[in-house]
């Protein structure tokens, strides 16, 4: 979503990733996953979206039990649930990026 917001402001994804990767924000997603799978339009990260939703739901159930004030993970679950409802559970989990692109009306590239 952050990269999509920057794209909507006219900032190229590669430029944004270069800036992130030259700072403390650098991480596996910005260095490898986004350039290799999202920018190349290959969203197959080797894991199904339905399995990711299952894992997120497990995390959410733990959060609700031990930290009911938490807000982030419950919202992540809502997004994944909507994505699985839209695309089905057997698509690659990287399709979440394409799903968010459609929501934003912009494409990461």
PDB file of N, CA and C in Angstrom:
ATOM      1  N   UNK A   1       0.823  -1.191   0.000  1.00  0.00           N
ATOM      2  CA  UNK A   1       0.000   0.000   0.000  1.00  0.00           C
ATOM      3  C   UNK A   1       0.867   1.254   0.000  1.00  0.00           C
ATOM      4  N   UNK A   2       1.966   1.210   0.722  1.00  0.00           N
ATOM      5  CA  UNK A   2       2.857   2.364   0.747  1.00  0.00           C
ATOM      6  C   UNK A   2       3.433   2.663  -0.624  1.00  0.00           C
ATOM      7  N   UNK A   3       3.882   1.618  -1.318  1.00  0.00           N
ATOM      8  CA  UNK A   3       4.412   1.816  -2.676  1.00  0.00           C
ATOM      9  C   UNK A   3       3.321   2.280  -3.631  1.00  0.00           C
ATOM     10  N   UNK A   4       2.115   1.771  -3.456  1.00  0.00           N
ATOM     11  CA  UNK A   4       1.010   2.228  -4.300  1.00  0.00           C
ATOM     12  C   UNK A   4       0.703   3.699  -4.058  1.00  0.00           C
ATOM     13  N   UNK A   5       0.750   4.112  -2.796  1.00  0.00           N
ATOM     14  CA  UNK A   5       0.522   5.530  -2.492  1.00  0.00           C
ATOM     15  C   UNK A   5       1.588   6.401  -3.149  1.00  0.00           C
ATOM     16  N   UNK A   6       2.842   5.950  -3.109  1.00  0.00           N
ATOM     17  CA  UNK A   6       3.907   6.707  -3.775  1.00  0.00           C
ATOM     18  C   UNK A   6       3.697   6.735  -5.285  1.00  0.00           C
ATOM     19  N   UNK A   7       3.265   5.608  -5.858  1.00  0.00           N
ATOM     20  CA  UNK A   7       2.973   5.556  -7.286  1.00  0.00           C
ATOM     21  C   UNK A   7       1.864   6.537  -7.643  1.00  0.00           C
ATOM     22  N   UNK A   8       0.871   6.628  -6.779  1.00  0.00           N
ATOM     23  CA  UNK A   8      -0.236   7.558  -7.023  1.00  0.00           C
ATOM     24  C   UNK A   8       0.228   9.013  -6.952  1.00  0.00           C
ATOM     25  N   UNK A   9       1.345   9.241  -6.264  1.00  0.00           N
ATOM     26  CA  UNK A   9       1.937  10.585  -6.200  1.00  0.00           C
ATOM     27  C   UNK A   9       2.913  10.820  -7.349  1.00  0.00           C
ATOM     28  N   UNK A  10       3.042   9.819  -8.250  1.00  0.00           N
ATOM     29  CA  UNK A  10       3.907   9.977  -9.409  1.00  0.00           C
ATOM     30  C   UNK A  10       5.343   9.511  -9.196  1.00  0.00           C
ATOM     31  N   UNK A  11       5.609   8.839  -8.095  1.00  0.00           N
ATOM     32  CA  UNK A  11       6.958   8.355  -7.821  1.00  0.00           C
ATOM     33  C   UNK A  11       7.102   6.939  -8.342  1.00  0.00           C
ATOM     34  N   UNK A  12       8.093   6.715  -9.171  1.00  0.00           N
ATOM     35  CA  UNK A  12       8.351   5.413  -9.761  1.00  0.00           C
ATOM     36  C   UNK A  12       8.689   4.400  -8.670  1.00  0.00           C
ATOM     37  N   UNK A  13       8.171   3.176  -8.808  1.00  0.00           N
ATOM     38  CA  UNK A  13       8.411   2.129  -7.817  1.00  0.00           C
ATOM     39  C   UNK A  13       9.899   1.864  -7.626  1.00  0.00           C
ATOM     40  N   UNK A  14      10.661   1.816  -8.712  1.00  0.00           N
ATOM     41  CA  UNK A  14      12.093   1.547  -8.601  1.00  0.00           C
ATOM     42  C   UNK A  14      12.798   2.655  -7.822  1.00  0.00           C
ATOM     43  N   UNK A  15      12.441   3.881  -8.072  1.00  0.00           N
ATOM     44  CA  UNK A  15      13.026   5.012  -7.350  1.00  0.00           C
ATOM     45  C   UNK A  15      12.685   4.908  -5.864  1.00  0.00           C
ATOM     46  N   UNK A  16      11.429   4.576  -5.565  1.00  0.00           N
ATOM     47  CA  UNK A  16      11.017   4.428  -4.173  1.00  0.00           C
ATOM     48  C   UNK A  16      11.785   3.297  -3.493  1.00  0.00           C
ATOM     49  N   UNK A  17      11.904   2.160  -4.183  1.00  0.00           N
ATOM     50  CA  UNK A  17      12.631   1.031  -3.604  1.00  0.00           C
ATOM     51  C   UNK A  17      14.106   1.362  -3.392  1.00  0.00           C
ATOM     52  N   UNK A  18      14.707   2.074  -4.334  1.00  0.00           N
ATOM     53  CA  UNK A  18      16.104   2.481  -4.166  1.00  0.00           C
ATOM     54  C   UNK A  18      16.270   3.351  -2.922  1.00  0.00           C
ATOM     55  N   UNK A  19      15.334   4.266  -2.707  1.00  0.00           N
ATOM     56  CA  UNK A  19      15.405   5.140  -1.531  1.00  0.00           C
ATOM     57  C   UNK A  19      15.223   4.325  -0.245  1.00  0.00           C
ATOM     58  N   UNK A  20      14.255   3.433  -0.252  1.00  0.00           N
ATOM     59  CA  UNK A  20      14.022   2.591   0.926  1.00  0.00           C
ATOM     60  C   UNK A  20      15.234   1.716   1.207  1.00  0.00           C
ATOM     61  N   UNK A  21      15.790   1.130   0.158  1.00  0.00           N
ATOM     62  CA  UNK A  21      16.904   0.203   0.331  1.00  0.00           C
ATOM     63  C   UNK A  21      18.219   0.885   0.696  1.00  0.00           C
ATOM     64  N   UNK A  22      18.279   2.198   0.556  1.00  0.00           N
ATOM     65  CA  UNK A  22      19.481   2.920   0.977  1.00  0.00           C
ATOM     66  C   UNK A  22      19.332   3.446   2.406  1.00  0.00           C
ATOM     67  N   UNK A  23      18.233   3.043   3.053  1.00  0.00           N
ATOM     68  CA  UNK A  23      17.973   3.507   4.414  1.00  0.00           C
ATOM     69  C   UNK A  23      17.766   2.322   5.350  1.00  0.00           C
ATOM     70  N   UNK A  24      17.392   2.626   6.568  1.00  0.00           N
ATOM     71  CA  UNK A  24      17.131   1.563   7.543  1.00  0.00           C
ATOM     72  C   UNK A  24      15.832   0.818   7.242  1.00  0.00           C
ATOM     73  N   UNK A  25      15.071   1.264   6.268  1.00  0.00           N
ATOM     74  CA  UNK A  25      13.839   0.579   5.890  1.00  0.00           C
ATOM     75  C   UNK A  25      14.061  -0.643   5.016  1.00  0.00           C
ATOM     76  N   UNK A  26      15.299  -0.847   4.607  1.00  0.00           N
ATOM     77  CA  UNK A  26      15.642  -1.977   3.742  1.00  0.00           C
ATOM     78  C   UNK A  26      15.244  -3.291   4.418  1.00  0.00           C
ATOM     79  N   UNK A  27      14.666  -4.194   3.640  1.00  0.00           N
ATOM     80  CA  UNK A  27      14.298  -5.513   4.163  1.00  0.00           C
ATOM     81  C   UNK A  27      14.183  -6.497   3.009  1.00  0.00           C
ATOM     82  N   UNK A  28      13.925  -7.743   3.316  1.00  0.00           N
ATOM     83  CA  UNK A  28      13.857  -8.794   2.296  1.00  0.00           C
ATOM     84  C   UNK A  28      12.801  -8.480   1.230  1.00  0.00           C
ATOM     85  N   UNK A  29      11.682  -7.947   1.667  1.00  0.00           N
ATOM     86  CA  UNK A  29      10.613  -7.630   0.715  1.00  0.00           C
ATOM     87  C   UNK A  29      11.058  -6.557  -0.280  1.00  0.00           C
ATOM     88  N   UNK A  30      11.701  -5.495   0.224  1.00  0.00           N
ATOM     89  CA  UNK A  30      12.082  -4.405  -0.674  1.00  0.00           C
ATOM     90  C   UNK A  30      13.292  -4.748  -1.521  1.00  0.00           C
ATOM     91  N   UNK A  31      14.155  -5.621  -1.014  1.00  0.00           N
ATOM     92  CA  UNK A  31      15.355  -5.982  -1.767  1.00  0.00           C
ATOM     93  C   UNK A  31      15.124  -7.112  -2.760  1.00  0.00           C
ATOM     94  N   UNK A  32      14.276  -8.067  -2.406  1.00  0.00           N
ATOM     95  CA  UNK A  32      14.150  -9.263  -3.244  1.00  0.00           C
ATOM     96  C   UNK A  32      12.732  -9.504  -3.765  1.00  0.00           C
ATOM     97  N   UNK A  33      11.767  -9.542  -2.874  1.00  0.00           N
ATOM     98  CA  UNK A  33      10.432  -9.990  -3.261  1.00  0.00           C
ATOM     99  C   UNK A  33       9.765  -9.031  -4.231  1.00  0.00           C
ATOM    100  N   UNK A  34       9.720  -7.763  -3.906  1.00  0.00           N
ATOM    101  CA  UNK A  34       9.032  -6.811  -4.792  1.00  0.00           C
ATOM    102  C   UNK A  34       9.725  -6.708  -6.145  1.00  0.00           C
ATOM    103  N   UNK A  35      11.052  -6.513  -6.196  1.00  0.00           N
ATOM    104  CA  UNK A  35      11.680  -6.448  -7.526  1.00  0.00           C
ATOM    105  C   UNK A  35      11.541  -7.747  -8.325  1.00  0.00           C
ATOM    106  N   UNK A  36      11.685  -8.882  -7.666  1.00  0.00           N
ATOM    107  CA  UNK A  36      11.681 -10.158  -8.389  1.00  0.00           C
ATOM    108  C   UNK A  36      10.291 -10.605  -8.796  1.00  0.00           C
ATOM    109  N   UNK A  37       9.304 -10.399  -7.961  1.00  0.00           N
ATOM    110  CA  UNK A  37       7.984 -10.955  -8.246  1.00  0.00           C
ATOM    111  C   UNK A  37       6.956  -9.910  -8.663  1.00  0.00           C
ATOM    112  N   UNK A  38       6.891  -8.798  -7.954  1.00  0.00           N
ATOM    113  CA  UNK A  38       5.870  -7.798  -8.249  1.00  0.00           C
ATOM    114  C   UNK A  38       6.234  -6.992  -9.481  1.00  0.00           C
ATOM    115  N   UNK A  39       7.430  -6.426  -9.507  1.00  0.00           N
ATOM    116  CA  UNK A  39       7.818  -5.610 -10.654  1.00  0.00           C
ATOM    117  C   UNK A  39       7.906  -6.424 -11.937  1.00  0.00           C
ATOM    118  N   UNK A  40       8.270  -7.708 -11.820  1.00  0.00           N
ATOM    119  CA  UNK A  40       8.320  -8.575 -13.007  1.00  0.00           C
ATOM    120  C   UNK A  40       6.958  -9.167 -13.334  1.00  0.00           C
ATOM    121  N   UNK A  41       5.938  -8.841 -12.524  1.00  0.00           N
ATOM    122  CA  UNK A  41       4.551  -9.291 -12.714  1.00  0.00           C
ATOM    123  C   UNK A  41       4.399 -10.796 -12.549  1.00  0.00           C
ATOM    124  N   UNK A  42       5.313 -11.422 -11.813  1.00  0.00           N
ATOM    125  CA  UNK A  42       5.221 -12.839 -11.463  1.00  0.00           C
ATOM    126  C   UNK A  42       4.914 -12.876  -9.976  1.00  0.00           C
ATOM    127  N   UNK A  43       3.680 -13.158  -9.632  1.00  0.00           N
ATOM    128  CA  UNK A  43       3.239 -13.039  -8.251  1.00  0.00           C
ATOM    129  C   UNK A  43       3.323 -14.352  -7.479  1.00  0.00           C
ATOM    130  N   UNK A  44       3.970 -15.353  -8.062  1.00  0.00           N
ATOM    131  CA  UNK A  44       4.035 -16.664  -7.437  1.00  0.00           C
ATOM    132  C   UNK A  44       5.225 -16.746  -6.485  1.00  0.00           C
ATOM    133  N   UNK A  45       4.949 -16.544  -5.202  1.00  0.00           N
ATOM    134  CA  UNK A  45       5.990 -16.591  -4.184  1.00  0.00           C
ATOM    135  C   UNK A  45       6.152 -17.993  -3.614  1.00  0.00           C
ATOM    136  N   UNK A  46       5.379 -18.945  -4.136  1.00  0.00           N
ATOM    137  CA  UNK A  46       5.505 -20.331  -3.700  1.00  0.00           C
ATOM    138  C   UNK A  46       4.610 -20.710  -2.531  1.00  0.00           C
ATOM    139  N   UNK A  47       3.592 -19.909  -2.260  1.00  0.00           N
ATOM    140  CA  UNK A  47       2.700 -20.164  -1.137  1.00  0.00           C
ATOM    141  C   UNK A  47       1.309 -19.727  -1.563  1.00  0.00           C
ATOM    142  N   UNK A  48       0.295 -20.484  -1.217  1.00  0.00           N
ATOM    143  CA  UNK A  48      -1.073 -20.136  -1.618  1.00  0.00           C
ATOM    144  C   UNK A  48      -1.673 -19.061  -0.715  1.00  0.00           C
ATOM    145  N   UNK A  49      -2.506 -18.251  -1.306  1.00  0.00           N
ATOM    146  CA  UNK A  49      -3.181 -17.173  -0.587  1.00  0.00           C
ATOM    147  C   UNK A  49      -4.043 -17.720   0.549  1.00  0.00           C
ATOM    148  N   UNK A  50      -4.720 -18.834   0.303  1.00  0.00           N
ATOM    149  CA  UNK A  50      -5.560 -19.423   1.344  1.00  0.00           C
ATOM    150  C   UNK A  50      -4.757 -19.874   2.551  1.00  0.00           C
ATOM    151  N   UNK A  51      -3.556 -20.393   2.312  1.00  0.00           N
ATOM    152  CA  UNK A  51      -2.696 -20.800   3.422  1.00  0.00           C
ATOM    153  C   UNK A  51      -2.203 -19.588   4.205  1.00  0.00           C
ATOM    154  N   UNK A  52      -1.930 -18.508   3.493  1.00  0.00           N
ATOM    155  CA  UNK A  52      -1.518 -17.277   4.172  1.00  0.00           C
ATOM    156  C   UNK A  52      -2.659 -16.765   5.047  1.00  0.00           C
ATOM    157  N   UNK A  53      -3.876 -16.789   4.523  1.00  0.00           N
ATOM    158  CA  UNK A  53      -5.022 -16.349   5.316  1.00  0.00           C
ATOM    159  C   UNK A  53      -5.178 -17.225   6.555  1.00  0.00           C
ATOM    160  N   UNK A  54      -4.989 -18.523   6.408  1.00  0.00           N
ATOM    161  CA  UNK A  54      -5.073 -19.432   7.560  1.00  0.00           C
ATOM    162  C   UNK A  54      -4.060 -19.021   8.628  1.00  0.00           C
ATOM    163  N   UNK A  55      -2.829 -18.746   8.216  1.00  0.00           N
ATOM    164  CA  UNK A  55      -1.791 -18.334   9.160  1.00  0.00           C
ATOM    165  C   UNK A  55      -2.123 -16.994   9.815  1.00  0.00           C
ATOM    166  N   UNK A  56      -2.631 -16.064   9.023  1.00  0.00           N
ATOM    167  CA  UNK A  56      -3.013 -14.758   9.567  1.00  0.00           C
ATOM    168  C   UNK A  56      -4.136 -14.935  10.589  1.00  0.00           C
ATOM    169  N   UNK A  57      -5.092 -15.810  10.285  1.00  0.00           N
ATOM    170  CA  UNK A  57      -6.186 -16.054  11.230  1.00  0.00           C
ATOM    171  C   UNK A  57      -5.682 -16.659  12.538  1.00  0.00           C
ATOM    172  N   UNK A  58      -4.702 -17.540  12.466  1.00  0.00           N
ATOM    173  CA  UNK A  58      -4.111 -18.101  13.686  1.00  0.00           C
ATOM    174  C   UNK A  58      -3.488 -16.980  14.513  1.00  0.00           C
ATOM    175  N   UNK A  59      -2.725 -16.122  13.843  1.00  0.00           N
ATOM    176  CA  UNK A  59      -2.121 -14.987  14.541  1.00  0.00           C
ATOM    177  C   UNK A  59      -3.162 -14.062  15.137  1.00  0.00           C
ATOM    178  N   UNK A  60      -4.221 -13.807  14.389  1.00  0.00           N
ATOM    179  CA  UNK A  60      -5.279 -12.922  14.884  1.00  0.00           C
ATOM    180  C   UNK A  60      -5.971 -13.514  16.099  1.00  0.00           C
ATOM    181  N   UNK A  61      -6.187 -14.814  16.089  1.00  0.00           N
ATOM    182  CA  UNK A  61      -6.841 -15.430  17.245  1.00  0.00           C
ATOM    183  C   UNK A  61      -5.959 -15.302  18.496  1.00  0.00           C
ATOM    184  N   UNK A  62      -4.659 -15.428  18.330  1.00  0.00           N
ATOM    185  CA  UNK A  62      -3.747 -15.240  19.464  1.00  0.00           C
ATOM    186  C   UNK A  62      -3.739 -13.789  19.938  1.00  0.00           C
ATOM    187  N   UNK A  63      -3.729 -12.886  18.983  1.00  0.00           N
ATOM    188  CA  UNK A  63      -3.732 -11.458  19.315  1.00  0.00           C
ATOM    189  C   UNK A  63      -5.003 -11.097  20.079  1.00  0.00           C
ATOM    190  N   UNK A  64      -6.145 -11.539  19.581  1.00  0.00           N
ATOM    191  CA  UNK A  64      -7.412 -11.200  20.242  1.00  0.00           C
ATOM    192  C   UNK A  64      -7.452 -11.735  21.673  1.00  0.00           C
ATOM    193  N   UNK A  65      -6.848 -12.890  21.896  1.00  0.00           N
ATOM    194  CA  UNK A  65      -6.852 -13.502  23.223  1.00  0.00           C
ATOM    195  C   UNK A  65      -5.905 -12.774  24.173  1.00  0.00           C
ATOM    196  N   UNK A  66      -4.725 -12.409  23.691  1.00  0.00           N
ATOM    197  CA  UNK A  66      -3.684 -11.880  24.577  1.00  0.00           C
ATOM    198  C   UNK A  66      -3.482 -10.368  24.481  1.00  0.00           C
ATOM    199  N   UNK A  67      -3.979  -9.759  23.395  1.00  0.00           N
ATOM    200  CA  UNK A  67      -3.810  -8.315  23.211  1.00  0.00           C
ATOM    201  C   UNK A  67      -5.023  -7.790  22.438  1.00  0.00           C
ATOM    202  N   UNK A  68      -6.176  -7.775  23.093  1.00  0.00           N
ATOM    203  CA  UNK A  68      -7.418  -7.426  22.392  1.00  0.00           C
ATOM    204  C   UNK A  68      -7.448  -6.009  21.824  1.00  0.00           C
ATOM    205  N   UNK A  69      -6.554  -5.140  22.278  1.00  0.00           N
ATOM    206  CA  UNK A  69      -6.516  -3.768  21.756  1.00  0.00           C
ATOM    207  C   UNK A  69      -5.770  -3.660  20.425  1.00  0.00           C
ATOM    208  N   UNK A  70      -5.139  -4.742  20.003  1.00  0.00           N
ATOM    209  CA  UNK A  70      -4.360  -4.723  18.756  1.00  0.00           C
ATOM    210  C   UNK A  70      -5.251  -4.336  17.577  1.00  0.00           C
ATOM    211  N   UNK A  71      -4.682  -3.595  16.644  1.00  0.00           N
ATOM    212  CA  UNK A  71      -5.455  -3.121  15.502  1.00  0.00           C
ATOM    213  C   UNK A  71      -4.897  -3.580  14.168  1.00  0.00           C
ATOM    214  N   UNK A  72      -3.586  -3.761  14.060  1.00  0.00           N
ATOM    215  CA  UNK A  72      -2.978  -4.021  12.762  1.00  0.00           C
ATOM    216  C   UNK A  72      -3.342  -5.400  12.226  1.00  0.00           C
ATOM    217  N   UNK A  73      -3.038  -6.452  12.964  1.00  0.00           N
ATOM    218  CA  UNK A  73      -3.270  -7.803  12.455  1.00  0.00           C
ATOM    219  C   UNK A  73      -4.745  -8.072  12.156  1.00  0.00           C
ATOM    220  N   UNK A  74      -5.693  -7.634  13.002  1.00  0.00           N
ATOM    221  CA  UNK A  74      -7.093  -7.828  12.622  1.00  0.00           C
ATOM    222  C   UNK A  74      -7.454  -7.171  11.285  1.00  0.00           C
ATOM    223  N   UNK A  75      -6.858  -6.027  10.994  1.00  0.00           N
ATOM    224  CA  UNK A  75      -7.117  -5.379   9.708  1.00  0.00           C
ATOM    225  C   UNK A  75      -6.432  -6.106   8.558  1.00  0.00           C
ATOM    226  N   UNK A  76      -5.244  -6.651   8.817  1.00  0.00           N
ATOM    227  CA  UNK A  76      -4.564  -7.465   7.807  1.00  0.00           C
ATOM    228  C   UNK A  76      -5.441  -8.669   7.455  1.00  0.00           C
ATOM    229  N   UNK A  77      -6.032  -9.279   8.469  1.00  0.00           N
ATOM    230  CA  UNK A  77      -6.921 -10.419   8.219  1.00  0.00           C
ATOM    231  C   UNK A  77      -8.099 -10.014   7.337  1.00  0.00           C
ATOM    232  N   UNK A  78      -8.667  -8.854   7.572  1.00  0.00           N
ATOM    233  CA  UNK A  78      -9.791  -8.381   6.744  1.00  0.00           C
ATOM    234  C   UNK A  78      -9.377  -8.246   5.282  1.00  0.00           C
ATOM    235  N   UNK A  79      -8.192  -7.696   5.047  1.00  0.00           N
ATOM    236  CA  UNK A  79      -7.713  -7.514   3.676  1.00  0.00           C
ATOM    237  C   UNK A  79      -7.490  -8.870   3.007  1.00  0.00           C
ATOM    238  N   UNK A  80      -6.820  -9.781   3.705  1.00  0.00           N
ATOM    239  CA  UNK A  80      -6.597 -11.113   3.135  1.00  0.00           C
ATOM    240  C   UNK A  80      -7.903 -11.855   2.913  1.00  0.00           C
ATOM    241  N   UNK A  81      -8.844 -11.703   3.830  1.00  0.00           N
ATOM    242  CA  UNK A  81     -10.138 -12.359   3.678  1.00  0.00           C
ATOM    243  C   UNK A  81     -10.851 -11.847   2.428  1.00  0.00           C
ATOM    244  N   UNK A  82     -10.828 -10.548   2.233  1.00  0.00           N
ATOM    245  CA  UNK A  82     -11.454  -9.966   1.040  1.00  0.00           C
ATOM    246  C   UNK A  82     -10.746 -10.433  -0.227  1.00  0.00           C
ATOM    247  N   UNK A  83      -9.434 -10.512  -0.179  1.00  0.00           N
ATOM    248  CA  UNK A  83      -8.656 -10.962  -1.328  1.00  0.00           C
ATOM    249  C   UNK A  83      -8.981 -12.416  -1.666  1.00  0.00           C
ATOM    250  N   UNK A  84      -9.025 -13.290  -0.664  1.00  0.00           N
ATOM    251  CA  UNK A  84      -9.356 -14.696  -0.900  1.00  0.00           C
ATOM    252  C   UNK A  84     -10.785 -14.822  -1.410  1.00  0.00           C
ATOM    253  N   UNK A  85     -11.701 -14.027  -0.881  1.00  0.00           N
ATOM    254  CA  UNK A  85     -13.086 -14.046  -1.372  1.00  0.00           C
ATOM    255  C   UNK A  85     -13.153 -13.647  -2.833  1.00  0.00           C
ATOM    256  N   UNK A  86     -12.277 -12.735  -3.230  1.00  0.00           N
ATOM    257  CA  UNK A  86     -12.263 -12.248  -4.609  1.00  0.00           C
ATOM    258  C   UNK A  86     -11.543 -13.191  -5.569  1.00  0.00           C
ATOM    259  N   UNK A  87     -10.379 -13.704  -5.141  1.00  0.00           N
ATOM    260  CA  UNK A  87      -9.516 -14.467  -6.052  1.00  0.00           C
ATOM    261  C   UNK A  87      -9.537 -15.973  -5.834  1.00  0.00           C
ATOM    262  N   UNK A  88      -9.991 -16.394  -4.667  1.00  0.00           N
ATOM    263  CA  UNK A  88      -9.961 -17.808  -4.328  1.00  0.00           C
ATOM    264  C   UNK A  88      -8.721 -18.142  -3.521  1.00  0.00           C
ATOM    265  N   UNK A  89      -8.745 -19.279  -2.832  1.00  0.00           N
ATOM    266  CA  UNK A  89      -7.649 -19.630  -1.933  1.00  0.00           C
ATOM    267  C   UNK A  89      -6.432 -20.247  -2.612  1.00  0.00           C
ATOM    268  N   UNK A  90      -6.567 -20.700  -3.841  1.00  0.00           N
ATOM    269  CA  UNK A  90      -5.490 -21.473  -4.469  1.00  0.00           C
ATOM    270  C   UNK A  90      -4.618 -20.671  -5.422  1.00  0.00           C
ATOM    271  N   UNK A  91      -4.662 -19.354  -5.308  1.00  0.00           N
ATOM    272  CA  UNK A  91      -3.777 -18.514  -6.117  1.00  0.00           C
ATOM    273  C   UNK A  91      -2.533 -18.196  -5.286  1.00  0.00           C
ATOM    274  N   UNK A  92      -1.429 -17.831  -5.937  1.00  0.00           N
ATOM    275  CA  UNK A  92      -0.220 -17.481  -5.186  1.00  0.00           C
ATOM    276  C   UNK A  92      -0.470 -16.310  -4.236  1.00  0.00           C
ATOM    277  N   UNK A  93       0.175 -16.355  -3.063  1.00  0.00           N
ATOM    278  CA  UNK A  93      -0.056 -15.302  -2.069  1.00  0.00           C
ATOM    279  C   UNK A  93       0.424 -13.937  -2.542  1.00  0.00           C
ATOM    280  N   UNK A  94       1.307 -13.891  -3.505  1.00  0.00           N
ATOM    281  CA  UNK A  94       1.743 -12.619  -4.064  1.00  0.00           C
ATOM    282  C   UNK A  94       0.648 -11.881  -4.806  1.00  0.00           C
ATOM    283  N   UNK A  95      -0.437 -12.583  -5.122  1.00  0.00           N
ATOM    284  CA  UNK A  95      -1.577 -11.943  -5.798  1.00  0.00           C
ATOM    285  C   UNK A  95      -2.205 -10.855  -4.936  1.00  0.00           C
ATOM    286  N   UNK A  96      -1.870 -10.836  -3.653  1.00  0.00           N
ATOM    287  CA  UNK A  96      -2.359  -9.755  -2.795  1.00  0.00           C
ATOM    288  C   UNK A  96      -1.909  -8.406  -3.353  1.00  0.00           C
ATOM    289  N   UNK A  97      -0.735  -8.365  -3.962  1.00  0.00           N
ATOM    290  CA  UNK A  97      -0.238  -7.110  -4.553  1.00  0.00           C
ATOM    291  C   UNK A  97      -1.115  -6.688  -5.728  1.00  0.00           C
ATOM    292  N   UNK A  98      -1.440  -7.626  -6.593  1.00  0.00           N
ATOM    293  CA  UNK A  98      -2.296  -7.296  -7.739  1.00  0.00           C
ATOM    294  C   UNK A  98      -3.698  -6.882  -7.264  1.00  0.00           C
ATOM    295  N   UNK A  99      -4.195  -7.555  -6.219  1.00  0.00           N
ATOM    296  CA  UNK A  99      -5.488  -7.219  -5.627  1.00  0.00           C
ATOM    297  C   UNK A  99      -5.481  -5.771  -5.135  1.00  0.00           C
ATOM    298  N   UNK A 100      -4.414  -5.386  -4.427  1.00  0.00           N
ATOM    299  CA  UNK A 100      -4.310  -4.012  -3.927  1.00  0.00           C
ATOM    300  C   UNK A 100      -4.135  -3.016  -5.066  1.00  0.00           C
ATOM    301  N   UNK A 101      -3.442  -3.412  -6.117  1.00  0.00           N
ATOM    302  CA  UNK A 101      -3.306  -2.559  -7.301  1.00  0.00           C
ATOM    303  C   UNK A 101      -4.686  -2.234  -7.874  1.00  0.00           C
ATOM    304  N   UNK A 102      -5.520  -3.252  -7.994  1.00  0.00           N
ATOM    305  CA  UNK A 102      -6.876  -3.022  -8.525  1.00  0.00           C
ATOM    306  C   UNK A 102      -7.657  -2.071  -7.623  1.00  0.00           C
ATOM    307  N   UNK A 103      -7.505  -2.240  -6.321  1.00  0.00           N
ATOM    308  CA  UNK A 103      -8.188  -1.341  -5.380  1.00  0.00           C
ATOM    309  C   UNK A 103      -7.725   0.101  -5.567  1.00  0.00           C
ATOM    310  N   UNK A 104      -6.419   0.272  -5.799  1.00  0.00           N
ATOM    311  CA  UNK A 104      -5.839   1.614  -5.937  1.00  0.00           C
ATOM    312  C   UNK A 104      -6.030   2.193  -7.329  1.00  0.00           C
ATOM    313  N   UNK A 105      -6.285   1.331  -8.309  1.00  0.00           N
ATOM    314  CA  UNK A 105      -6.386   1.808  -9.687  1.00  0.00           C
ATOM    315  C   UNK A 105      -5.032   2.162 -10.276  1.00  0.00           C
ATOM    316  N   UNK A 106      -3.974   1.618  -9.702  1.00  0.00           N
ATOM    317  CA  UNK A 106      -2.593   1.869 -10.156  1.00  0.00           C
ATOM    318  C   UNK A 106      -1.837   0.553 -10.197  1.00  0.00           C
ATOM    319  N   UNK A 107      -0.783   0.508 -11.006  1.00  0.00           N
ATOM    320  CA  UNK A 107       0.047  -0.681 -11.119  1.00  0.00           C
ATOM    321  C   UNK A 107       1.452  -0.363 -10.654  1.00  0.00           C
ATOM    322  N   UNK A 108       2.002  -1.237  -9.818  1.00  0.00           N
ATOM    323  CA  UNK A 108       3.405  -1.118  -9.440  1.00  0.00           C
ATOM    324  C   UNK A 108       4.256  -1.613 -10.592  1.00  0.00           C
ATOM    325  N   UNK A 109       5.280  -0.889 -10.936  1.00  0.00           N
ATOM    326  CA  UNK A 109       6.160  -1.337 -12.023  1.00  0.00           C
ATOM    327  C   UNK A 109       7.519  -0.690 -11.885  1.00  0.00           C
TER     328      UNK A 109
END
